[in-house]
Amino acid sequence: MSSIKRILKEARDQARMTTLDYINVIFEDFIELHGDRHFADDKSIVGGIARLNDLAVTVIGIQKGKNLQDNLNRNFGQPHPEGYRKALRLMKQAEKFNRPIVTFINTAGAYPGVGAEERGQGEAIARNLYEMSDLKVPIIAIIIGEGGSGGALALAVADKVWMLENTFYAVLSPEGFASILWKDGTRSIEAAELMKISAGELLNMGVIDKIIPEHGYFSSEIIAMIKKSLVESLNDLRQKDSLELIENRYQRFRQY
C-alpha cells in the first residue's frame, strides 16, 4: 500500500479518536455549550469551556460518530452553517473573557445540502475566516483526521496549526479533485499525491507548524505530549499583546 493511500485510509478510519475523546483526556471540567442563537444546535460541532491545568480555555471541534447511528446524529462530521455560527459565538465569547481557543478538526467538508446552502453555508464559513483572523486571543488548531476544504479551514485560521501524523489537510477531497481535473473520481490516490496533503509535505511548505506522531489511535504518551505542547505553546502565545498576535497571524496566512 502506498504511503498516501495508507494516510487516506487511516485519516478516515472510524476507530480514530474524536474531538470529544481528546477533550475528555486532555482537559478538565469541560462544560459543553449549545446552539447558534439563530436556528439550531448542530451536533457535528461541539464546543464549550474547559480547563487546561489551571488555564481556562474554549475548546471547539468537529465531531464524527463512533457508529452508524452516532454518525447520523453528527451528520458524519459535516457541519451545517449553524454549526459554524455556534463555533463563532463561542470564539467571540472566548475573546470577551480572554480565554485561549483550541480547535480540533476532522471533516470531509462542510455539508453541501440544499438546506445548508439556503441558510448561508458559504457566508458562515467566510464569516469565521474573517473573524478568526482578527481575534485578540491565542488560537491553536489541530487536524485529528480529515481536514477537508473550507469546512476545515473555518476552524483553522490559527496562530499554530498542528497535524497528527496520519491525517491530511486539503483544499478539497482527493476524489473531488480527481473528478474535477480528470472527470474520474477513481484516480483519487494520484490526485492526493499531486495535491501534497500529508503532514510531512505541509510542514515542509510551512502550512503547518508541528506533526504529532501516532502509535495507534490512542497512546497515553502521545496524549501527554499534546497536552504538554498545548500548555507550552499557549503560555508562549499569551505573552504577546493582541496587536502582535493579530499581525503575526495575518503575516502567517499572507505568505501562502
C-alpha atoms as a PDB file:
ATOM      1  CA  MET A   1       0.000   0.000   0.000  1.00  0.00           C
ATOM      2  CA  SER A   2       1.399   3.417  -0.963  1.00  0.00           C
ATOM      3  CA  SER A   3       2.104   5.936   1.784  1.00  0.00           C
ATOM      4  CA  ILE A   4      -0.617   8.371   0.683  1.00  0.00           C
ATOM      5  CA  LYS A   5      -3.174   5.591   0.306  1.00  0.00           C
ATOM      6  CA  ARG A   6      -2.431   4.449   3.857  1.00  0.00           C
ATOM      7  CA  ILE A   7      -2.744   8.023   5.165  1.00  0.00           C
ATOM      8  CA  LEU A   8      -6.134   8.487   3.482  1.00  0.00           C
ATOM      9  CA  LYS A   9      -7.348   5.185   4.923  1.00  0.00           C
ATOM     10  CA  GLU A  10      -6.132   5.923   8.444  1.00  0.00           C
ATOM     11  CA  ALA A  11      -7.341   9.531   8.437  1.00  0.00           C
ATOM     12  CA  ARG A  12     -10.863   8.324   7.638  1.00  0.00           C
ATOM     13  CA  ASP A  13     -10.868   5.341   9.983  1.00  0.00           C
ATOM     14  CA  GLN A  14     -13.959   5.362  12.202  1.00  0.00           C
ATOM     15  CA  ALA A  15     -11.850   3.980  15.053  1.00  0.00           C
ATOM     16  CA  ARG A  16      -9.879   7.232  15.364  1.00  0.00           C
ATOM     17  CA  MET A  17     -10.274   9.326  18.482  1.00  0.00           C
ATOM     18  CA  THR A  18     -12.922  12.021  18.105  1.00  0.00           C
ATOM     19  CA  THR A  19     -12.946  15.597  19.347  1.00  0.00           C
ATOM     20  CA  LEU A  20     -14.833  14.587  22.488  1.00  0.00           C
ATOM     21  CA  ASP A  21     -12.317  11.808  23.134  1.00  0.00           C
ATOM     22  CA  TYR A  22      -9.468  14.324  23.050  1.00  0.00           C
ATOM     23  CA  ILE A  23     -11.369  16.789  25.209  1.00  0.00           C
ATOM     24  CA  ASN A  24     -12.023  14.131  27.836  1.00  0.00           C
ATOM     25  CA  VAL A  25      -8.370  13.066  28.161  1.00  0.00           C
ATOM     26  CA  ILE A  26      -6.600  16.428  27.749  1.00  0.00           C
ATOM     27  CA  PHE A  27      -8.858  18.921  29.528  1.00  0.00           C
ATOM     28  CA  GLU A  28     -10.696  19.050  32.831  1.00  0.00           C
ATOM     29  CA  ASP A  29     -14.150  20.343  33.822  1.00  0.00           C
ATOM     30  CA  PHE A  30     -15.471  20.562  30.256  1.00  0.00           C
ATOM     31  CA  ILE A  31     -18.878  22.241  30.006  1.00  0.00           C
ATOM     32  CA  GLU A  32     -20.467  21.893  26.564  1.00  0.00           C
ATOM     33  CA  LEU A  33     -22.401  24.870  25.223  1.00  0.00           C
ATOM     34  CA  HIS A  34     -25.090  24.568  22.559  1.00  0.00           C
ATOM     35  CA  GLY A  35     -26.791  26.478  19.786  1.00  0.00           C
ATOM     36  CA  ASP A  36     -26.019  29.358  17.457  1.00  0.00           C
ATOM     37  CA  ARG A  37     -28.773  31.627  18.880  1.00  0.00           C
ATOM     38  CA  HIS A  38     -30.306  31.846  15.408  1.00  0.00           C
ATOM     39  CA  PHE A  39     -31.519  28.496  14.125  1.00  0.00           C
ATOM     40  CA  ALA A  40     -30.426  25.275  15.848  1.00  0.00           C
ATOM     41  CA  ASP A  41     -27.735  23.294  17.634  1.00  0.00           C
ATOM     42  CA  ASP A  42     -25.549  21.480  15.107  1.00  0.00           C
ATOM     43  CA  LYS A  43     -24.252  18.291  16.747  1.00  0.00           C
ATOM     44  CA  SER A  44     -21.451  17.933  14.207  1.00  0.00           C
ATOM     45  CA  ILE A  45     -19.641  20.758  16.012  1.00  0.00           C
ATOM     46  CA  VAL A  46     -19.116  20.584  19.762  1.00  0.00           C
ATOM     47  CA  GLY A  47     -17.659  23.276  21.935  1.00  0.00           C
ATOM     48  CA  GLY A  48     -17.529  24.764  25.375  1.00  0.00           C
ATOM     49  CA  ILE A  49     -15.376  25.843  28.286  1.00  0.00           C
ATOM     50  CA  ALA A  50     -12.719  23.702  29.925  1.00  0.00           C
ATOM     51  CA  ARG A  51      -9.539  23.885  31.959  1.00  0.00           C
ATOM     52  CA  LEU A  52      -6.048  23.044  30.750  1.00  0.00           C
ATOM     53  CA  ASN A  53      -4.239  22.637  34.040  1.00  0.00           C
ATOM     54  CA  ASP A  54      -5.103  25.972  35.684  1.00  0.00           C
ATOM     55  CA  LEU A  55      -5.877  27.820  32.454  1.00  0.00           C
ATOM     56  CA  ALA A  56      -9.463  28.416  31.336  1.00  0.00           C
ATOM     57  CA  VAL A  57      -9.816  27.741  27.604  1.00  0.00           C
ATOM     58  CA  THR A  58     -12.521  27.481  24.970  1.00  0.00           C
ATOM     59  CA  VAL A  59     -12.446  24.172  23.097  1.00  0.00           C
ATOM     60  CA  ILE A  60     -14.262  23.665  19.787  1.00  0.00           C
ATOM     61  CA  GLY A  61     -14.163  20.748  17.392  1.00  0.00           C
ATOM     62  CA  ILE A  62     -15.851  18.845  14.602  1.00  0.00           C
ATOM     63  CA  GLN A  63     -17.335  15.630  15.929  1.00  0.00           C
ATOM     64  CA  LYS A  64     -17.739  12.439  13.912  1.00  0.00           C
ATOM     65  CA  GLY A  65     -19.658   9.430  15.184  1.00  0.00           C
ATOM     66  CA  LYS A  66     -18.420   6.110  16.517  1.00  0.00           C
ATOM     67  CA  ASN A  67     -21.037   4.033  14.677  1.00  0.00           C
ATOM     68  CA  LEU A  68     -23.741   4.472  12.045  1.00  0.00           C
ATOM     69  CA  GLN A  69     -26.406   5.902  14.363  1.00  0.00           C
ATOM     70  CA  ASP A  70     -23.917   8.236  16.008  1.00  0.00           C
ATOM     71  CA  ASN A  71     -22.702   9.373  12.589  1.00  0.00           C
ATOM     72  CA  LEU A  72     -26.282  10.061  11.526  1.00  0.00           C
ATOM     73  CA  ASN A  73     -26.758  12.195  14.650  1.00  0.00           C
ATOM     74  CA  ARG A  74     -23.483  14.006  13.938  1.00  0.00           C
ATOM     75  CA  ASN A  75     -24.135  14.277  10.190  1.00  0.00           C
ATOM     76  CA  PHE A  76     -20.904  12.314   9.571  1.00  0.00           C
ATOM     77  CA  GLY A  77     -18.892  15.295  10.806  1.00  0.00           C
ATOM     78  CA  GLN A  78     -20.140  17.601   8.057  1.00  0.00           C
ATOM     79  CA  PRO A  79     -21.226  20.858   9.730  1.00  0.00           C
ATOM     80  CA  HIS A  80     -24.222  22.960   8.771  1.00  0.00           C
ATOM     81  CA  PRO A  81     -23.964  26.772   8.817  1.00  0.00           C
ATOM     82  CA  GLU A  82     -25.450  26.864  12.314  1.00  0.00           C
ATOM     83  CA  GLY A  83     -22.505  24.736  13.468  1.00  0.00           C
ATOM     84  CA  TYR A  84     -20.021  27.300  12.214  1.00  0.00           C
ATOM     85  CA  ARG A  85     -22.108  30.087  13.732  1.00  0.00           C
ATOM     86  CA  LYS A  86     -22.106  28.251  17.072  1.00  0.00           C
ATOM     87  CA  ALA A  87     -18.321  27.950  16.825  1.00  0.00           C
ATOM     88  CA  LEU A  88     -18.002  31.667  16.092  1.00  0.00           C
ATOM     89  CA  ARG A  89     -20.288  32.537  19.007  1.00  0.00           C
ATOM     90  CA  LEU A  90     -18.023  30.563  21.332  1.00  0.00           C
ATOM     91  CA  MET A  91     -14.891  32.131  19.864  1.00  0.00           C
ATOM     92  CA  LYS A  92     -16.240  35.653  20.364  1.00  0.00           C
ATOM     93  CA  GLN A  93     -17.191  34.688  23.916  1.00  0.00           C
ATOM     94  CA  ALA A  94     -13.619  33.444  24.432  1.00  0.00           C
ATOM     95  CA  GLU A  95     -12.286  36.772  23.208  1.00  0.00           C
ATOM     96  CA  LYS A  96     -14.596  38.662  25.577  1.00  0.00           C
ATOM     97  CA  PHE A  97     -13.304  36.732  28.588  1.00  0.00           C
ATOM     98  CA  ASN A  98      -9.696  36.485  27.341  1.00  0.00           C
ATOM     99  CA  ARG A  99      -9.685  32.691  27.011  1.00  0.00           C
ATOM    100  CA  PRO A 100      -7.352  30.983  24.503  1.00  0.00           C
ATOM    101  CA  ILE A 101      -9.031  28.802  21.869  1.00  0.00           C
ATOM    102  CA  VAL A 102      -8.159  25.234  20.887  1.00  0.00           C
ATOM    103  CA  THR A 103      -9.894  23.636  17.890  1.00  0.00           C
ATOM    104  CA  PHE A 104      -9.958  20.016  16.725  1.00  0.00           C
ATOM    105  CA  ILE A 105     -10.683  19.344  13.044  1.00  0.00           C
ATOM    106  CA  ASN A 106     -11.915  16.162  11.390  1.00  0.00           C
ATOM    107  CA  THR A 107     -14.275  16.670   8.468  1.00  0.00           C
ATOM    108  CA  ALA A 108     -14.590  15.736   4.822  1.00  0.00           C
ATOM    109  CA  GLY A 109     -16.005  19.225   4.370  1.00  0.00           C
ATOM    110  CA  ALA A 110     -18.995  21.387   5.197  1.00  0.00           C
ATOM    111  CA  TYR A 111     -22.394  19.833   4.465  1.00  0.00           C
ATOM    112  CA  PRO A 112     -23.342  20.629   0.826  1.00  0.00           C
ATOM    113  CA  GLY A 113     -27.098  20.069   1.134  1.00  0.00           C
ATOM    114  CA  VAL A 114     -29.782  22.415  -0.195  1.00  0.00           C
ATOM    115  CA  GLY A 115     -30.925  23.452   3.280  1.00  0.00           C
ATOM    116  CA  ALA A 116     -27.390  24.324   4.335  1.00  0.00           C
ATOM    117  CA  GLU A 117     -26.931  26.461   1.235  1.00  0.00           C
ATOM    118  CA  GLU A 118     -30.286  28.164   1.832  1.00  0.00           C
ATOM    119  CA  ARG A 119     -29.197  29.057   5.365  1.00  0.00           C
ATOM    120  CA  GLY A 120     -25.941  30.598   4.160  1.00  0.00           C
ATOM    121  CA  GLN A 121     -23.244  27.937   4.308  1.00  0.00           C
ATOM    122  CA  GLY A 122     -20.745  29.994   2.297  1.00  0.00           C
ATOM    123  CA  GLU A 123     -21.371  33.128   4.337  1.00  0.00           C
ATOM    124  CA  ALA A 124     -20.993  31.248   7.628  1.00  0.00           C
ATOM    125  CA  ILE A 125     -17.611  29.829   6.598  1.00  0.00           C
ATOM    126  CA  ALA A 126     -16.412  33.166   5.215  1.00  0.00           C
ATOM    127  CA  ARG A 127     -17.509  34.941   8.397  1.00  0.00           C
ATOM    128  CA  ASN A 128     -15.460  32.526  10.510  1.00  0.00           C
ATOM    129  CA  LEU A 129     -12.366  33.120   8.370  1.00  0.00           C
ATOM    130  CA  TYR A 130     -12.821  36.873   8.660  1.00  0.00           C
ATOM    131  CA  GLU A 131     -13.483  36.926  12.391  1.00  0.00           C
ATOM    132  CA  MET A 132     -10.806  34.391  13.372  1.00  0.00           C
ATOM    133  CA  SER A 133      -8.157  36.411  11.569  1.00  0.00           C
ATOM    134  CA  ASP A 134      -8.824  39.300  13.960  1.00  0.00           C
ATOM    135  CA  LEU A 135      -9.466  37.551  17.290  1.00  0.00           C
ATOM    136  CA  LYS A 136      -7.403  39.006  20.126  1.00  0.00           C
ATOM    137  CA  VAL A 137      -6.739  35.686  21.881  1.00  0.00           C
ATOM    138  CA  PRO A 138      -4.370  32.810  21.000  1.00  0.00           C
ATOM    139  CA  ILE A 139      -5.721  30.057  18.735  1.00  0.00           C
ATOM    140  CA  ILE A 140      -4.264  26.585  18.194  1.00  0.00           C
ATOM    141  CA  ALA A 141      -5.855  24.247  15.626  1.00  0.00           C
ATOM    142  CA  ILE A 142      -5.180  20.502  15.465  1.00  0.00           C
ATOM    143  CA  ILE A 143      -6.074  18.275  12.487  1.00  0.00           C
ATOM    144  CA  ILE A 144      -7.079  14.913  14.023  1.00  0.00           C
ATOM    145  CA  GLY A 145      -8.398  13.140  10.901  1.00  0.00           C
ATOM    146  CA  GLU A 146      -9.646  14.608   7.649  1.00  0.00           C
ATOM    147  CA  GLY A 147      -9.013  18.289   7.034  1.00  0.00           C
ATOM    148  CA  GLY A 148     -11.284  18.871   4.084  1.00  0.00           C
ATOM    149  CA  SER A 149     -11.916  22.118   2.218  1.00  0.00           C
ATOM    150  CA  GLY A 150     -13.342  25.325   3.678  1.00  0.00           C
ATOM    151  CA  GLY A 151     -15.226  23.218   6.172  1.00  0.00           C
ATOM    152  CA  ALA A 152     -11.909  22.551   7.911  1.00  0.00           C
ATOM    153  CA  LEU A 153     -10.359  25.973   7.308  1.00  0.00           C
ATOM    154  CA  ALA A 154     -13.343  27.604   9.050  1.00  0.00           C
ATOM    155  CA  LEU A 155     -11.825  26.407  12.342  1.00  0.00           C
ATOM    156  CA  ALA A 156      -8.153  26.595  11.341  1.00  0.00           C
ATOM    157  CA  VAL A 157      -7.291  30.292  10.962  1.00  0.00           C
ATOM    158  CA  ALA A 158      -4.989  29.916  13.933  1.00  0.00           C
ATOM    159  CA  ASP A 159      -1.663  31.079  15.336  1.00  0.00           C
ATOM    160  CA  LYS A 160      -0.439  27.474  15.294  1.00  0.00           C
ATOM    161  CA  VAL A 161      -1.730  24.603  13.155  1.00  0.00           C
ATOM    162  CA  TRP A 162      -0.730  21.058  14.083  1.00  0.00           C
ATOM    163  CA  MET A 163      -1.475  17.741  12.413  1.00  0.00           C
ATOM    164  CA  LEU A 164      -1.443  14.191  13.638  1.00  0.00           C
ATOM    165  CA  GLU A 165       0.994  12.097  11.623  1.00  0.00           C
ATOM    166  CA  ASN A 166      -1.576  10.081   9.650  1.00  0.00           C
ATOM    167  CA  THR A 167      -4.021  12.833   8.752  1.00  0.00           C
ATOM    168  CA  PHE A 168      -4.427  15.113   5.756  1.00  0.00           C
ATOM    169  CA  TYR A 169      -5.342  18.739   5.075  1.00  0.00           C
ATOM    170  CA  ALA A 170      -6.527  19.798   1.624  1.00  0.00           C
ATOM    171  CA  VAL A 171      -8.470  22.329  -0.398  1.00  0.00           C
ATOM    172  CA  LEU A 172     -10.953  19.563  -1.265  1.00  0.00           C
ATOM    173  CA  SER A 173     -11.144  15.797  -1.141  1.00  0.00           C
ATOM    174  CA  PRO A 174      -8.821  13.839  -3.453  1.00  0.00           C
ATOM    175  CA  GLU A 175     -11.936  12.274  -5.010  1.00  0.00           C
ATOM    176  CA  GLY A 176     -13.347  15.733  -5.749  1.00  0.00           C
ATOM    177  CA  PHE A 177     -10.018  16.913  -7.149  1.00  0.00           C
ATOM    178  CA  ALA A 178      -9.813  13.892  -9.461  1.00  0.00           C
ATOM    179  CA  SER A 179     -13.421  14.346 -10.580  1.00  0.00           C
ATOM    180  CA  ILE A 180     -12.807  17.985 -11.485  1.00  0.00           C
ATOM    181  CA  LEU A 181      -9.395  17.530 -13.115  1.00  0.00           C
ATOM    182  CA  TRP A 182      -9.852  14.207 -14.896  1.00  0.00           C
ATOM    183  CA  LYS A 183     -13.618  13.530 -14.620  1.00  0.00           C
ATOM    184  CA  ASP A 184     -12.626  10.329 -12.851  1.00  0.00           C
ATOM    185  CA  GLY A 185     -13.021  10.068  -9.072  1.00  0.00           C
ATOM    186  CA  THR A 186     -11.273   6.687  -9.018  1.00  0.00           C
ATOM    187  CA  ARG A 187      -7.932   8.469  -9.560  1.00  0.00           C
ATOM    188  CA  SER A 188      -8.056   9.851  -6.004  1.00  0.00           C
ATOM    189  CA  ILE A 189      -4.679   8.433  -4.938  1.00  0.00           C
ATOM    190  CA  GLU A 190      -2.979  10.032  -7.940  1.00  0.00           C
ATOM    191  CA  ALA A 191      -4.765  13.273  -7.101  1.00  0.00           C
ATOM    192  CA  ALA A 192      -3.689  13.105  -3.440  1.00  0.00           C
ATOM    193  CA  GLU A 193      -0.055  12.715  -4.461  1.00  0.00           C
ATOM    194  CA  LEU A 194      -0.295  15.810  -6.677  1.00  0.00           C
ATOM    195  CA  MET A 195      -2.101  17.849  -4.013  1.00  0.00           C
ATOM    196  CA  LYS A 196       0.602  17.373  -1.340  1.00  0.00           C
ATOM    197  CA  ILE A 197      -1.812  16.901   1.520  1.00  0.00           C
ATOM    198  CA  SER A 198       0.197  14.844   4.016  1.00  0.00           C
ATOM    199  CA  ALA A 199       1.535  16.262   7.273  1.00  0.00           C
ATOM    200  CA  GLY A 200       5.163  15.945   6.168  1.00  0.00           C
ATOM    201  CA  GLU A 201       4.604  17.782   2.896  1.00  0.00           C
ATOM    202  CA  LEU A 202       2.601  20.546   4.561  1.00  0.00           C
ATOM    203  CA  LEU A 203       5.237  21.011   7.264  1.00  0.00           C
ATOM    204  CA  ASN A 204       7.916  21.377   4.578  1.00  0.00           C
ATOM    205  CA  MET A 205       5.820  24.038   2.844  1.00  0.00           C
ATOM    206  CA  GLY A 206       5.227  25.929   6.096  1.00  0.00           C
ATOM    207  CA  VAL A 207       1.452  25.418   6.041  1.00  0.00           C
ATOM    208  CA  ILE A 208       1.525  23.704   9.437  1.00  0.00           C
ATOM    209  CA  ASP A 209       3.814  24.094  12.447  1.00  0.00           C
ATOM    210  CA  LYS A 210       4.026  20.675  14.065  1.00  0.00           C
ATOM    211  CA  ILE A 211       3.487  16.972  13.347  1.00  0.00           C
ATOM    212  CA  ILE A 212       2.189  14.908  16.246  1.00  0.00           C
ATOM    213  CA  PRO A 213       3.444  11.301  15.968  1.00  0.00           C
ATOM    214  CA  GLU A 214       0.956   8.448  16.141  1.00  0.00           C
ATOM    215  CA  HIS A 215       1.361   4.976  17.627  1.00  0.00           C
ATOM    216  CA  GLY A 216      -2.093   3.538  17.046  1.00  0.00           C
ATOM    217  CA  TYR A 217      -5.231   5.584  17.615  1.00  0.00           C
ATOM    218  CA  PHE A 218      -4.694   6.022  21.335  1.00  0.00           C
ATOM    219  CA  SER A 219      -1.405   6.378  23.164  1.00  0.00           C
ATOM    220  CA  SER A 220      -1.119   7.830  26.643  1.00  0.00           C
ATOM    221  CA  GLU A 221       2.366   9.074  25.746  1.00  0.00           C
ATOM    222  CA  ILE A 222       1.076  10.976  22.711  1.00  0.00           C
ATOM    223  CA  ILE A 223      -1.852  12.416  24.676  1.00  0.00           C
ATOM    224  CA  ALA A 224       0.594  13.623  27.336  1.00  0.00           C
ATOM    225  CA  MET A 225       2.768  15.143  24.607  1.00  0.00           C
ATOM    226  CA  ILE A 226      -0.185  17.006  23.071  1.00  0.00           C
ATOM    227  CA  LYS A 227      -1.193  18.360  26.462  1.00  0.00           C
ATOM    228  CA  LYS A 228       2.365  19.471  27.255  1.00  0.00           C
ATOM    229  CA  SER A 229       2.703  21.126  23.829  1.00  0.00           C
ATOM    230  CA  LEU A 230      -0.610  22.948  24.277  1.00  0.00           C
ATOM    231  CA  VAL A 231       0.421  24.267  27.696  1.00  0.00           C
ATOM    232  CA  GLU A 232       3.812  25.447  26.436  1.00  0.00           C
ATOM    233  CA  SER A 233       2.514  26.991  23.207  1.00  0.00           C
ATOM    234  CA  LEU A 234      -0.396  28.781  24.871  1.00  0.00           C
ATOM    235  CA  ASN A 235       1.887  30.154  27.579  1.00  0.00           C
ATOM    236  CA  ASP A 236       4.168  31.496  24.848  1.00  0.00           C
ATOM    237  CA  LEU A 237       1.328  32.978  22.784  1.00  0.00           C
ATOM    238  CA  ARG A 238      -0.252  34.600  25.843  1.00  0.00           C
ATOM    239  CA  GLN A 239       2.921  36.634  26.352  1.00  0.00           C
ATOM    240  CA  LYS A 240       2.214  38.521  23.116  1.00  0.00           C
ATOM    241  CA  ASP A 241      -0.096  41.529  23.139  1.00  0.00           C
ATOM    242  CA  SER A 242      -3.205  41.356  20.962  1.00  0.00           C
ATOM    243  CA  LEU A 243      -1.820  43.575  18.184  1.00  0.00           C
ATOM    244  CA  GLU A 244       1.294  41.425  17.835  1.00  0.00           C
ATOM    245  CA  LEU A 245      -0.806  38.260  17.885  1.00  0.00           C
ATOM    246  CA  ILE A 246      -3.091  39.512  15.119  1.00  0.00           C
ATOM    247  CA  GLU A 247      -0.222  40.838  12.987  1.00  0.00           C
ATOM    248  CA  ASN A 248       1.664  37.539  13.232  1.00  0.00           C
ATOM    249  CA  ARG A 249      -1.467  35.613  12.290  1.00  0.00           C
ATOM    250  CA  TYR A 250      -2.041  37.945   9.343  1.00  0.00           C
ATOM    251  CA  GLN A 251       1.514  37.521   8.095  1.00  0.00           C
ATOM    252  CA  ARG A 252       1.289  33.748   8.534  1.00  0.00           C
ATOM    253  CA  PHE A 253      -1.615  33.425   6.123  1.00  0.00           C
ATOM    254  CA  ARG A 254      -0.388  36.107   3.720  1.00  0.00           C
ATOM    255  CA  GLN A 255       2.691  34.010   2.917  1.00  0.00           C
ATOM    256  CA  TYR A 256       0.709  31.213   1.222  1.00  0.00           C
END
